[in-house]
Amino acid sequence: RSYWPDKKIGAAVIRQTIKYDNVKKL
């Protein structure tokens, strides 16, 4: 926007988790 702060019109939050399974070796 020219005379005002830019406007947020959408958002996304992505959370990714990695964990090692020592039994299955995965």
mmCIF file of all heavy atoms, coordinates in Angstrom:
data_MODEL
# 
_entry.id   MODEL 
# 
loop_
_atom_site.group_PDB 
_atom_site.id 
_atom_site.type_symbol 
_atom_site.label_atom_id 
_atom_site.label_alt_id 
_atom_site.label_comp_id 
_atom_site.label_asym_id 
_atom_site.label_entity_id 
_atom_site.label_seq_id 
_atom_site.pdbx_PDB_ins_code 
_atom_site.Cartn_x 
_atom_site.Cartn_y 
_atom_site.Cartn_z 
_atom_site.occupancy 
_atom_site.B_iso_or_equiv 
_atom_site.pdbx_formal_charge 
_atom_site.auth_seq_id 
_atom_site.auth_comp_id 
_atom_site.auth_asym_id 
_atom_site.auth_atom_id 
_atom_site.pdbx_PDB_model_num 
ATOM 1   N N   . ARG A 1 1  ? 0.855  -1.185  0.000  1.00 0.00 ? 1  ARG A N   1 
ATOM 2   C CA  . ARG A 1 1  ? 0.000  0.000   0.000  1.00 0.00 ? 1  ARG A CA  1 
ATOM 3   C C   . ARG A 1 1  ? 0.894  1.240   0.000  1.00 0.00 ? 1  ARG A C   1 
ATOM 4   O O   . ARG A 1 1  ? 1.955  1.252   0.644  1.00 0.00 ? 1  ARG A O   1 
ATOM 5   C CB  . ARG A 1 1  ? -0.928 -0.004  1.220  1.00 0.00 ? 1  ARG A CB  1 
ATOM 6   C CG  . ARG A 1 1  ? -1.896 -1.185  1.213  1.00 0.00 ? 1  ARG A CG  1 
ATOM 7   C CD  . ARG A 1 1  ? -3.033 -1.008  2.191  1.00 0.00 ? 1  ARG A CD  1 
ATOM 8   N NE  . ARG A 1 1  ? -2.597 -1.055  3.575  1.00 0.00 ? 1  ARG A NE  1 
ATOM 9   C CZ  . ARG A 1 1  ? -3.444 -1.046  4.624  1.00 0.00 ? 1  ARG A CZ  1 
ATOM 10  N NH1 . ARG A 1 1  ? -4.755 -0.985  4.415  1.00 0.00 ? 1  ARG A NH1 1 
ATOM 11  N NH2 . ARG A 1 1  ? -2.987 -1.095  5.856  1.00 0.00 ? 1  ARG A NH2 1 
ATOM 12  N N   . SER A 1 2  ? 0.474  2.269   -0.706 1.00 0.00 ? 2  SER A N   1 
ATOM 13  C CA  . SER A 1 2  ? 1.321  3.447   -0.926 1.00 0.00 ? 2  SER A CA  1 
ATOM 14  C C   . SER A 1 2  ? 1.476  4.316   0.309  1.00 0.00 ? 2  SER A C   1 
ATOM 15  O O   . SER A 1 2  ? 2.574  4.703   0.677  1.00 0.00 ? 2  SER A O   1 
ATOM 16  C CB  . SER A 1 2  ? 0.758  4.285   -2.081 1.00 0.00 ? 2  SER A CB  1 
ATOM 17  O OG  . SER A 1 2  ? 0.744  3.533   -3.285 1.00 0.00 ? 2  SER A OG  1 
ATOM 18  N N   . TYR A 1 3  ? 0.381  4.639   0.968  1.00 0.00 ? 3  TYR A N   1 
ATOM 19  C CA  . TYR A 1 3  ? 0.439  5.596   2.060  1.00 0.00 ? 3  TYR A CA  1 
ATOM 20  C C   . TYR A 1 3  ? 0.166  4.977   3.431  1.00 0.00 ? 3  TYR A C   1 
ATOM 21  O O   . TYR A 1 3  ? 0.095  5.685   4.428  1.00 0.00 ? 3  TYR A O   1 
ATOM 22  C CB  . TYR A 1 3  ? -0.570 6.728   1.804  1.00 0.00 ? 3  TYR A CB  1 
ATOM 23  C CG  . TYR A 1 3  ? -0.334 7.422   0.484  1.00 0.00 ? 3  TYR A CG  1 
ATOM 24  C CD1 . TYR A 1 3  ? -1.161 7.185   -0.613 1.00 0.00 ? 3  TYR A CD1 1 
ATOM 25  C CD2 . TYR A 1 3  ? 0.743  8.290   0.319  1.00 0.00 ? 3  TYR A CD2 1 
ATOM 26  C CE1 . TYR A 1 3  ? -0.936 7.800   -1.829 1.00 0.00 ? 3  TYR A CE1 1 
ATOM 27  C CE2 . TYR A 1 3  ? 0.974  8.918   -0.894 1.00 0.00 ? 3  TYR A CE2 1 
ATOM 28  C CZ  . TYR A 1 3  ? 0.130  8.670   -1.970 1.00 0.00 ? 3  TYR A CZ  1 
ATOM 29  O OH  . TYR A 1 3  ? 0.370  9.283   -3.171 1.00 0.00 ? 3  TYR A OH  1 
ATOM 30  N N   . TRP A 1 4  ? 0.025  3.675   3.464  1.00 0.00 ? 4  TRP A N   1 
ATOM 31  C CA  . TRP A 1 4  ? -0.218 2.957   4.704  1.00 0.00 ? 4  TRP A CA  1 
ATOM 32  C C   . TRP A 1 4  ? 0.725  1.762   4.784  1.00 0.00 ? 4  TRP A C   1 
ATOM 33  O O   . TRP A 1 4  ? 1.272  1.323   3.765  1.00 0.00 ? 4  TRP A O   1 
ATOM 34  C CB  . TRP A 1 4  ? -1.668 2.461   4.775  1.00 0.00 ? 4  TRP A CB  1 
ATOM 35  C CG  . TRP A 1 4  ? -2.690 3.558   4.766  1.00 0.00 ? 4  TRP A CG  1 
ATOM 36  C CD1 . TRP A 1 4  ? -3.302 4.095   3.678  1.00 0.00 ? 4  TRP A CD1 1 
ATOM 37  C CD2 . TRP A 1 4  ? -3.182 4.264   5.897  1.00 0.00 ? 4  TRP A CD2 1 
ATOM 38  N NE1 . TRP A 1 4  ? -4.160 5.091   4.038  1.00 0.00 ? 4  TRP A NE1 1 
ATOM 39  C CE2 . TRP A 1 4  ? -4.116 5.222   5.408  1.00 0.00 ? 4  TRP A CE2 1 
ATOM 40  C CE3 . TRP A 1 4  ? -2.958 4.198   7.274  1.00 0.00 ? 4  TRP A CE3 1 
ATOM 41  C CZ2 . TRP A 1 4  ? -4.800 6.095   6.243  1.00 0.00 ? 4  TRP A CZ2 1 
ATOM 42  C CZ3 . TRP A 1 4  ? -3.644 5.055   8.104  1.00 0.00 ? 4  TRP A CZ3 1 
ATOM 43  C CH2 . TRP A 1 4  ? -4.548 5.990   7.600  1.00 0.00 ? 4  TRP A CH2 1 
ATOM 44  N N   . PRO A 1 5  ? 0.950  1.232   5.983  1.00 0.00 ? 5  PRO A N   1 
ATOM 45  C CA  . PRO A 1 5  ? 1.762  0.009   6.081  1.00 0.00 ? 5  PRO A CA  1 
ATOM 46  C C   . PRO A 1 5  ? 1.148  -1.108  5.240  1.00 0.00 ? 5  PRO A C   1 
ATOM 47  O O   . PRO A 1 5  ? -0.076 -1.202  5.107  1.00 0.00 ? 5  PRO A O   1 
ATOM 48  C CB  . PRO A 1 5  ? 1.711  -0.325  7.579  1.00 0.00 ? 5  PRO A CB  1 
ATOM 49  C CG  . PRO A 1 5  ? 1.430  0.975   8.252  1.00 0.00 ? 5  PRO A CG  1 
ATOM 50  C CD  . PRO A 1 5  ? 0.533  1.735   7.310  1.00 0.00 ? 5  PRO A CD  1 
ATOM 51  N N   . ASP A 1 6  ? 1.991  -1.930  4.663  1.00 0.00 ? 6  ASP A N   1 
ATOM 52  C CA  . ASP A 1 6  ? 1.506  -3.045  3.854  1.00 0.00 ? 6  ASP A CA  1 
ATOM 53  C C   . ASP A 1 6  ? 0.564  -3.923  4.688  1.00 0.00 ? 6  ASP A C   1 
ATOM 54  O O   . ASP A 1 6  ? 0.770  -4.119  5.891  1.00 0.00 ? 6  ASP A O   1 
ATOM 55  C CB  . ASP A 1 6  ? 2.670  -3.870  3.331  1.00 0.00 ? 6  ASP A CB  1 
ATOM 56  C CG  . ASP A 1 6  ? 3.545  -3.075  2.367  1.00 0.00 ? 6  ASP A CG  1 
ATOM 57  O OD1 . ASP A 1 6  ? 3.107  -1.997  1.931  1.00 0.00 ? 6  ASP A OD1 1 
ATOM 58  O OD2 . ASP A 1 6  ? 4.670  -3.528  2.073  1.00 0.00 ? 6  ASP A OD2 1 
ATOM 59  N N   . LYS A 1 7  ? -0.436 -4.470  4.033  1.00 0.00 ? 7  LYS A N   1 
ATOM 60  C CA  . LYS A 1 7  ? -1.472 -5.228  4.732  1.00 0.00 ? 7  LYS A CA  1 
ATOM 61  C C   . LYS A 1 7  ? -1.266 -6.738  4.570  1.00 0.00 ? 7  LYS A C   1 
ATOM 62  O O   . LYS A 1 7  ? -1.122 -7.237  3.451  1.00 0.00 ? 7  LYS A O   1 
ATOM 63  C CB  . LYS A 1 7  ? -2.852 -4.842  4.197  1.00 0.00 ? 7  LYS A CB  1 
ATOM 64  C CG  . LYS A 1 7  ? -4.004 -5.551  4.902  1.00 0.00 ? 7  LYS A CG  1 
ATOM 65  C CD  . LYS A 1 7  ? -5.356 -5.104  4.360  1.00 0.00 ? 7  LYS A CD  1 
ATOM 66  C CE  . LYS A 1 7  ? -6.499 -5.786  5.084  1.00 0.00 ? 7  LYS A CE  1 
ATOM 67  N NZ  . LYS A 1 7  ? -7.825 -5.362  4.570  1.00 0.00 ? 7  LYS A NZ  1 
ATOM 68  N N   . LYS A 1 8  ? -1.265 -7.439  5.689  1.00 0.00 ? 8  LYS A N   1 
ATOM 69  C CA  . LYS A 1 8  ? -1.195 -8.905  5.645  1.00 0.00 ? 8  LYS A CA  1 
ATOM 70  C C   . LYS A 1 8  ? -2.580 -9.438  5.302  1.00 0.00 ? 8  LYS A C   1 
ATOM 71  O O   . LYS A 1 8  ? -3.555 -9.144  5.988  1.00 0.00 ? 8  LYS A O   1 
ATOM 72  C CB  . LYS A 1 8  ? -0.732 -9.486  6.980  1.00 0.00 ? 8  LYS A CB  1 
ATOM 73  C CG  . LYS A 1 8  ? -0.584 -11.004 6.953  1.00 0.00 ? 8  LYS A CG  1 
ATOM 74  C CD  . LYS A 1 8  ? -0.403 -11.592 8.344  1.00 0.00 ? 8  LYS A CD  1 
ATOM 75  C CE  . LYS A 1 8  ? 0.902  -11.185 8.964  1.00 0.00 ? 8  LYS A CE  1 
ATOM 76  N NZ  . LYS A 1 8  ? 1.153  -11.932 10.242 1.00 0.00 ? 8  LYS A NZ  1 
ATOM 77  N N   . ILE A 1 9  ? -2.652 -10.242 4.244  1.00 0.00 ? 9  ILE A N   1 
ATOM 78  C CA  . ILE A 1 9  ? -3.953 -10.764 3.820  1.00 0.00 ? 9  ILE A CA  1 
ATOM 79  C C   . ILE A 1 9  ? -4.048 -12.284 3.947  1.00 0.00 ? 9  ILE A C   1 
ATOM 80  O O   . ILE A 1 9  ? -5.090 -12.871 3.670  1.00 0.00 ? 9  ILE A O   1 
ATOM 81  C CB  . ILE A 1 9  ? -4.257 -10.353 2.361  1.00 0.00 ? 9  ILE A CB  1 
ATOM 82  C CG1 . ILE A 1 9  ? -3.189 -10.920 1.416  1.00 0.00 ? 9  ILE A CG1 1 
ATOM 83  C CG2 . ILE A 1 9  ? -4.361 -8.844  2.237  1.00 0.00 ? 9  ILE A CG2 1 
ATOM 84  C CD1 . ILE A 1 9  ? -3.504 -10.658 -0.050 1.00 0.00 ? 9  ILE A CD1 1 
ATOM 85  N N   . GLY A 1 10 ? -2.965 -12.918 4.361  1.00 0.00 ? 10 GLY A N   1 
ATOM 86  C CA  . GLY A 1 10 ? -2.996 -14.367 4.546  1.00 0.00 ? 10 GLY A CA  1 
ATOM 87  C C   . GLY A 1 10 ? -1.725 -14.843 5.227  1.00 0.00 ? 10 GLY A C   1 
ATOM 88  O O   . GLY A 1 10 ? -0.695 -14.150 5.200  1.00 0.00 ? 10 GLY A O   1 
ATOM 89  N N   . ALA A 1 11 ? -1.789 -16.006 5.845  1.00 0.00 ? 11 ALA A N   1 
ATOM 90  C CA  . ALA A 1 11 ? -0.623 -16.537 6.553  1.00 0.00 ? 11 ALA A CA  1 
ATOM 91  C C   . ALA A 1 11 ? -0.753 -18.042 6.709  1.00 0.00 ? 11 ALA A C   1 
ATOM 92  O O   . ALA A 1 11 ? -1.854 -18.600 6.659  1.00 0.00 ? 11 ALA A O   1 
ATOM 93  C CB  . ALA A 1 11 ? -0.464 -15.867 7.914  1.00 0.00 ? 11 ALA A CB  1 
ATOM 94  N N   . ALA A 1 12 ? 0.405  -18.679 6.905  1.00 0.00 ? 12 ALA A N   1 
ATOM 95  C CA  . ALA A 1 12 ? 0.442  -20.124 7.162  1.00 0.00 ? 12 ALA A CA  1 
ATOM 96  C C   . ALA A 1 12 ? 1.599  -20.411 8.110  1.00 0.00 ? 12 ALA A C   1 
ATOM 97  O O   . ALA A 1 12 ? 2.647  -19.755 8.052  1.00 0.00 ? 12 ALA A O   1 
ATOM 98  C CB  . ALA A 1 12 ? 0.604  -20.911 5.872  1.00 0.00 ? 12 ALA A CB  1 
ATOM 99  N N   . VAL A 1 13 ? 1.391  -21.377 9.004  1.00 0.00 ? 13 VAL A N   1 
ATOM 100 C CA  . VAL A 1 13 ? 2.439  -21.838 9.917  1.00 0.00 ? 13 VAL A CA  1 
ATOM 101 C C   . VAL A 1 13 ? 2.595  -23.341 9.722  1.00 0.00 ? 13 VAL A C   1 
ATOM 102 O O   . VAL A 1 13 ? 1.639  -24.099 9.881  1.00 0.00 ? 13 VAL A O   1 
ATOM 103 C CB  . VAL A 1 13 ? 2.090  -21.523 11.388 1.00 0.00 ? 13 VAL A CB  1 
ATOM 104 C CG1 . VAL A 1 13 ? 3.178  -22.061 12.314 1.00 0.00 ? 13 VAL A CG1 1 
ATOM 105 C CG2 . VAL A 1 13 ? 1.906  -20.023 11.593 1.00 0.00 ? 13 VAL A CG2 1 
ATOM 106 N N   . ILE A 1 14 ? 3.797  -23.750 9.358  1.00 0.00 ? 14 ILE A N   1 
ATOM 107 C CA  . ILE A 1 14 ? 4.074  -25.165 9.095  1.00 0.00 ? 14 ILE A CA  1 
ATOM 108 C C   . ILE A 1 14 ? 5.070  -25.659 10.142 1.00 0.00 ? 14 ILE A C   1 
ATOM 109 O O   . ILE A 1 14 ? 6.172  -25.119 10.261 1.00 0.00 ? 14 ILE A O   1 
ATOM 110 C CB  . ILE A 1 14 ? 4.654  -25.376 7.682  1.00 0.00 ? 14 ILE A CB  1 
ATOM 111 C CG1 . ILE A 1 14 ? 3.757  -24.732 6.629  1.00 0.00 ? 14 ILE A CG1 1 
ATOM 112 C CG2 . ILE A 1 14 ? 4.843  -26.867 7.415  1.00 0.00 ? 14 ILE A CG2 1 
ATOM 113 C CD1 . ILE A 1 14 ? 2.367  -25.297 6.563  1.00 0.00 ? 14 ILE A CD1 1 
ATOM 114 N N   . ARG A 1 15 ? 4.680  -26.702 10.891 1.00 0.00 ? 15 ARG A N   1 
ATOM 115 C CA  . ARG A 1 15 ? 5.583  -27.294 11.885 1.00 0.00 ? 15 ARG A CA  1 
ATOM 116 C C   . ARG A 1 15 ? 5.886  -28.738 11.485 1.00 0.00 ? 15 ARG A C   1 
ATOM 117 O O   . ARG A 1 15 ? 4.986  -29.538 11.308 1.00 0.00 ? 15 ARG A O   1 
ATOM 118 C CB  . ARG A 1 15 ? 4.950  -27.249 13.278 1.00 0.00 ? 15 ARG A CB  1 
ATOM 119 C CG  . ARG A 1 15 ? 4.841  -25.853 13.858 1.00 0.00 ? 15 ARG A CG  1 
ATOM 120 C CD  . ARG A 1 15 ? 4.368  -25.883 15.319 1.00 0.00 ? 15 ARG A CD  1 
ATOM 121 N NE  . ARG A 1 15 ? 4.357  -24.533 15.891 1.00 0.00 ? 15 ARG A NE  1 
ATOM 122 C CZ  . ARG A 1 15 ? 3.320  -23.716 15.831 1.00 0.00 ? 15 ARG A CZ  1 
ATOM 123 N NH1 . ARG A 1 15 ? 2.198  -24.106 15.229 1.00 0.00 ? 15 ARG A NH1 1 
ATOM 124 N NH2 . ARG A 1 15 ? 3.387  -22.512 16.361 1.00 0.00 ? 15 ARG A NH2 1 
ATOM 125 N N   . GLN A 1 16 ? 7.168  -29.012 11.361 1.00 0.00 ? 16 GLN A N   1 
ATOM 126 C CA  . GLN A 1 16 ? 7.621  -30.350 10.971 1.00 0.00 ? 16 GLN A CA  1 
ATOM 127 C C   . GLN A 1 16 ? 8.557  -30.897 12.046 1.00 0.00 ? 16 GLN A C   1 
ATOM 128 O O   . GLN A 1 16 ? 9.481  -30.202 12.475 1.00 0.00 ? 16 GLN A O   1 
ATOM 129 C CB  . GLN A 1 16 ? 8.336  -30.283 9.614  1.00 0.00 ? 16 GLN A CB  1 
ATOM 130 C CG  . GLN A 1 16 ? 7.451  -29.713 8.524  1.00 0.00 ? 16 GLN A CG  1 
ATOM 131 C CD  . GLN A 1 16 ? 8.109  -29.688 7.154  1.00 0.00 ? 16 GLN A CD  1 
ATOM 132 O OE1 . GLN A 1 16 ? 7.420  -29.615 6.142  1.00 0.00 ? 16 GLN A OE1 1 
ATOM 133 N NE2 . GLN A 1 16 ? 9.434  -29.721 7.088  1.00 0.00 ? 16 GLN A NE2 1 
ATOM 134 N N   . THR A 1 17 ? 8.317  -32.133 12.439 1.00 0.00 ? 17 THR A N   1 
ATOM 135 C CA  . THR A 1 17 ? 9.104  -32.756 13.505 1.00 0.00 ? 17 THR A CA  1 
ATOM 136 C C   . THR A 1 17 ? 9.724  -34.050 13.007 1.00 0.00 ? 17 THR A C   1 
ATOM 137 O O   . THR A 1 17 ? 9.050  -34.866 12.368 1.00 0.00 ? 17 THR A O   1 
ATOM 138 C CB  . THR A 1 17 ? 8.225  -33.041 14.741 1.00 0.00 ? 17 THR A CB  1 
ATOM 139 O OG1 . THR A 1 17 ? 7.661  -31.815 15.209 1.00 0.00 ? 17 THR A OG1 1 
ATOM 140 C CG2 . THR A 1 17 ? 9.046  -33.679 15.855 1.00 0.00 ? 17 THR A CG2 1 
ATOM 141 N N   . ILE A 1 18 ? 10.997 -34.217 13.319 1.00 0.00 ? 18 ILE A N   1 
ATOM 142 C CA  . ILE A 1 18 ? 11.691 -35.458 12.972 1.00 0.00 ? 18 ILE A CA  1 
ATOM 143 C C   . ILE A 1 18 ? 12.074 -36.182 14.253 1.00 0.00 ? 18 ILE A C   1 
ATOM 144 O O   . ILE A 1 18 ? 12.518 -35.560 15.223 1.00 0.00 ? 18 ILE A O   1 
ATOM 145 C CB  . ILE A 1 18 ? 12.944 -35.182 12.108 1.00 0.00 ? 18 ILE A CB  1 
ATOM 146 C CG1 . ILE A 1 18 ? 13.575 -36.495 11.642 1.00 0.00 ? 18 ILE A CG1 1 
ATOM 147 C CG2 . ILE A 1 18 ? 13.954 -34.328 12.843 1.00 0.00 ? 18 ILE A CG2 1 
ATOM 148 C CD1 . ILE A 1 18 ? 14.697 -36.298 10.648 1.00 0.00 ? 18 ILE A CD1 1 
ATOM 149 N N   . LYS A 1 19 ? 11.870 -37.493 14.265 1.00 0.00 ? 19 LYS A N   1 
ATOM 150 C CA  . LYS A 1 19 ? 12.211 -38.312 15.425 1.00 0.00 ? 19 LYS A CA  1 
ATOM 151 C C   . LYS A 1 19 ? 12.691 -39.676 14.944 1.00 0.00 ? 19 LYS A C   1 
ATOM 152 O O   . LYS A 1 19 ? 12.111 -40.252 14.019 1.00 0.00 ? 19 LYS A O   1 
ATOM 153 C CB  . LYS A 1 19 ? 11.001 -38.478 16.350 1.00 0.00 ? 19 LYS A CB  1 
ATOM 154 C CG  . LYS A 1 19 ? 11.335 -39.117 17.700 1.00 0.00 ? 19 LYS A CG  1 
ATOM 155 C CD  . LYS A 1 19 ? 10.108 -39.219 18.588 1.00 0.00 ? 19 LYS A CD  1 
ATOM 156 C CE  . LYS A 1 19 ? 10.472 -39.649 20.001 1.00 0.00 ? 19 LYS A CE  1 
ATOM 157 N NZ  . LYS A 1 19 ? 11.264 -40.889 20.065 1.00 0.00 ? 19 LYS A NZ  1 
ATOM 158 N N   . TYR A 1 20 ? 13.738 -40.168 15.583 1.00 0.00 ? 20 TYR A N   1 
ATOM 159 C CA  . TYR A 1 20 ? 14.311 -41.454 15.203 1.00 0.00 ? 20 TYR A CA  1 
ATOM 160 C C   . TYR A 1 20 ? 13.747 -42.561 16.079 1.00 0.00 ? 20 TYR A C   1 
ATOM 161 O O   . TYR A 1 20 ? 13.742 -42.465 17.311 1.00 0.00 ? 20 TYR A O   1 
ATOM 162 C CB  . TYR A 1 20 ? 15.828 -41.414 15.340 1.00 0.00 ? 20 TYR A CB  1 
ATOM 163 C CG  . TYR A 1 20 ? 16.515 -42.699 14.917 1.00 0.00 ? 20 TYR A CG  1 
ATOM 164 C CD1 . TYR A 1 20 ? 16.376 -43.180 13.619 1.00 0.00 ? 20 TYR A CD1 1 
ATOM 165 C CD2 . TYR A 1 20 ? 17.295 -43.421 15.815 1.00 0.00 ? 20 TYR A CD2 1 
ATOM 166 C CE1 . TYR A 1 20 ? 16.996 -44.354 13.224 1.00 0.00 ? 20 TYR A CE1 1 
ATOM 167 C CE2 . TYR A 1 20 ? 17.925 -44.592 15.421 1.00 0.00 ? 20 TYR A CE2 1 
ATOM 168 C CZ  . TYR A 1 20 ? 17.771 -45.053 14.133 1.00 0.00 ? 20 TYR A CZ  1 
ATOM 169 O OH  . TYR A 1 20 ? 18.386 -46.215 13.742 1.00 0.00 ? 20 TYR A OH  1 
ATOM 170 N N   . ASP A 1 21 ? 13.231 -43.595 15.426 1.00 0.00 ? 21 ASP A N   1 
ATOM 171 C CA  . ASP A 1 21 ? 12.735 -44.788 16.114 1.00 0.00 ? 21 ASP A CA  1 
ATOM 172 C C   . ASP A 1 21 ? 13.865 -45.804 16.147 1.00 0.00 ? 21 ASP A C   1 
ATOM 173 O O   . ASP A 1 21 ? 14.178 -46.432 15.129 1.00 0.00 ? 21 ASP A O   1 
ATOM 174 C CB  . ASP A 1 21 ? 11.518 -45.354 15.383 1.00 0.00 ? 21 ASP A CB  1 
ATOM 175 C CG  . ASP A 1 21 ? 10.847 -46.479 16.158 1.00 0.00 ? 21 ASP A CG  1 
ATOM 176 O OD1 . ASP A 1 21 ? 11.557 -47.242 16.840 1.00 0.00 ? 21 ASP A OD1 1 
ATOM 177 O OD2 . ASP A 1 21 ? 9.607  -46.603 16.078 1.00 0.00 ? 21 ASP A OD2 1 
ATOM 178 N N   . ASN A 1 22 ? 14.486 -45.963 17.305 1.00 0.00 ? 22 ASN A N   1 
ATOM 179 C CA  . ASN A 1 22 ? 15.654 -46.830 17.419 1.00 0.00 ? 22 ASN A CA  1 
ATOM 180 C C   . ASN A 1 22 ? 15.303 -48.305 17.295 1.00 0.00 ? 22 ASN A C   1 
ATOM 181 O O   . ASN A 1 22 ? 16.169 -49.128 16.977 1.00 0.00 ? 22 ASN A O   1 
ATOM 182 C CB  . ASN A 1 22 ? 16.361 -46.581 18.762 1.00 0.00 ? 22 ASN A CB  1 
ATOM 183 C CG  . ASN A 1 22 ? 17.718 -47.240 18.817 1.00 0.00 ? 22 ASN A CG  1 
ATOM 184 O OD1 . ASN A 1 22 ? 18.527 -47.102 17.911 1.00 0.00 ? 22 ASN A OD1 1 
ATOM 185 N ND2 . ASN A 1 22 ? 17.967 -47.971 19.894 1.00 0.00 ? 22 ASN A ND2 1 
ATOM 186 N N   . VAL A 1 23 ? 14.036 -48.640 17.537 1.00 0.00 ? 23 VAL A N   1 
ATOM 187 C CA  . VAL A 1 23 ? 13.615 -50.036 17.423 1.00 0.00 ? 23 VAL A CA  1 
ATOM 188 C C   . VAL A 1 23 ? 13.427 -50.411 15.950 1.00 0.00 ? 23 VAL A C   1 
ATOM 189 O O   . VAL A 1 23 ? 13.943 -51.429 15.474 1.00 0.00 ? 23 VAL A O   1 
ATOM 190 C CB  . VAL A 1 23 ? 12.321 -50.279 18.220 1.00 0.00 ? 23 VAL A CB  1 
ATOM 191 C CG1 . VAL A 1 23 ? 11.834 -51.714 18.011 1.00 0.00 ? 23 VAL A CG1 1 
ATOM 192 C CG2 . VAL A 1 23 ? 12.544 -49.983 19.698 1.00 0.00 ? 23 VAL A CG2 1 
ATOM 193 N N   . LYS A 1 24 ? 12.680 -49.579 15.225 1.00 0.00 ? 24 LYS A N   1 
ATOM 194 C CA  . LYS A 1 24 ? 12.427 -49.840 13.808 1.00 0.00 ? 24 LYS A CA  1 
ATOM 195 C C   . LYS A 1 24 ? 13.542 -49.340 12.900 1.00 0.00 ? 24 LYS A C   1 
ATOM 196 O O   . LYS A 1 24 ? 13.535 -49.633 11.700 1.00 0.00 ? 24 LYS A O   1 
ATOM 197 C CB  . LYS A 1 24 ? 11.113 -49.186 13.393 1.00 0.00 ? 24 LYS A CB  1 
ATOM 198 C CG  . LYS A 1 24 ? 9.896  -49.717 14.134 1.00 0.00 ? 24 LYS A CG  1 
ATOM 199 C CD  . LYS A 1 24 ? 8.617  -49.027 13.662 1.00 0.00 ? 24 LYS A CD  1 
ATOM 200 C CE  . LYS A 1 24 ? 7.400  -49.552 14.386 1.00 0.00 ? 24 LYS A CE  1 
ATOM 201 N NZ  . LYS A 1 24 ? 6.152  -48.867 13.946 1.00 0.00 ? 24 LYS A NZ  1 
ATOM 202 N N   . LYS A 1 25 ? 14.484 -48.586 13.465 1.00 0.00 ? 25 LYS A N   1 
ATOM 203 C CA  . LYS A 1 25 ? 15.587 -48.010 12.690 1.00 0.00 ? 25 LYS A CA  1 
ATOM 204 C C   . LYS A 1 25 ? 15.063 -47.128 11.558 1.00 0.00 ? 25 LYS A C   1 
ATOM 205 O O   . LYS A 1 25 ? 15.524 -47.194 10.424 1.00 0.00 ? 25 LYS A O   1 
ATOM 206 C CB  . LYS A 1 25 ? 16.488 -49.114 12.119 1.00 0.00 ? 25 LYS A CB  1 
ATOM 207 C CG  . LYS A 1 25 ? 17.008 -50.092 13.152 1.00 0.00 ? 25 LYS A CG  1 
ATOM 208 C CD  . LYS A 1 25 ? 17.845 -49.407 14.222 1.00 0.00 ? 25 LYS A CD  1 
ATOM 209 C CE  . LYS A 1 25 ? 18.384 -50.408 15.241 1.00 0.00 ? 25 LYS A CE  1 
ATOM 210 N NZ  . LYS A 1 25 ? 19.139 -49.745 16.335 1.00 0.00 ? 25 LYS A NZ  1 
ATOM 211 N N   . LEU A 1 26 ? 14.093 -46.286 11.900 1.00 0.00 ? 26 LEU A N   1 
ATOM 212 C CA  . LEU A 1 26 ? 13.486 -45.397 10.915 1.00 0.00 ? 26 LEU A CA  1 
ATOM 213 C C   . LEU A 1 26 ? 13.419 -43.972 11.458 1.00 0.00 ? 26 LEU A C   1 
ATOM 214 O O   . LEU A 1 26 ? 13.238 -43.753 12.659 1.00 0.00 ? 26 LEU A O   1 
ATOM 215 C CB  . LEU A 1 26 ? 12.072 -45.863 10.559 1.00 0.00 ? 26 LEU A CB  1 
ATOM 216 C CG  . LEU A 1 26 ? 11.928 -47.170 9.780  1.00 0.00 ? 26 LEU A CG  1 
ATOM 217 C CD1 . LEU A 1 26 ? 10.455 -47.538 9.656  1.00 0.00 ? 26 LEU A CD1 1 
ATOM 218 C CD2 . LEU A 1 26 ? 12.573 -47.062 8.400  1.00 0.00 ? 26 LEU A CD2 1 
# 
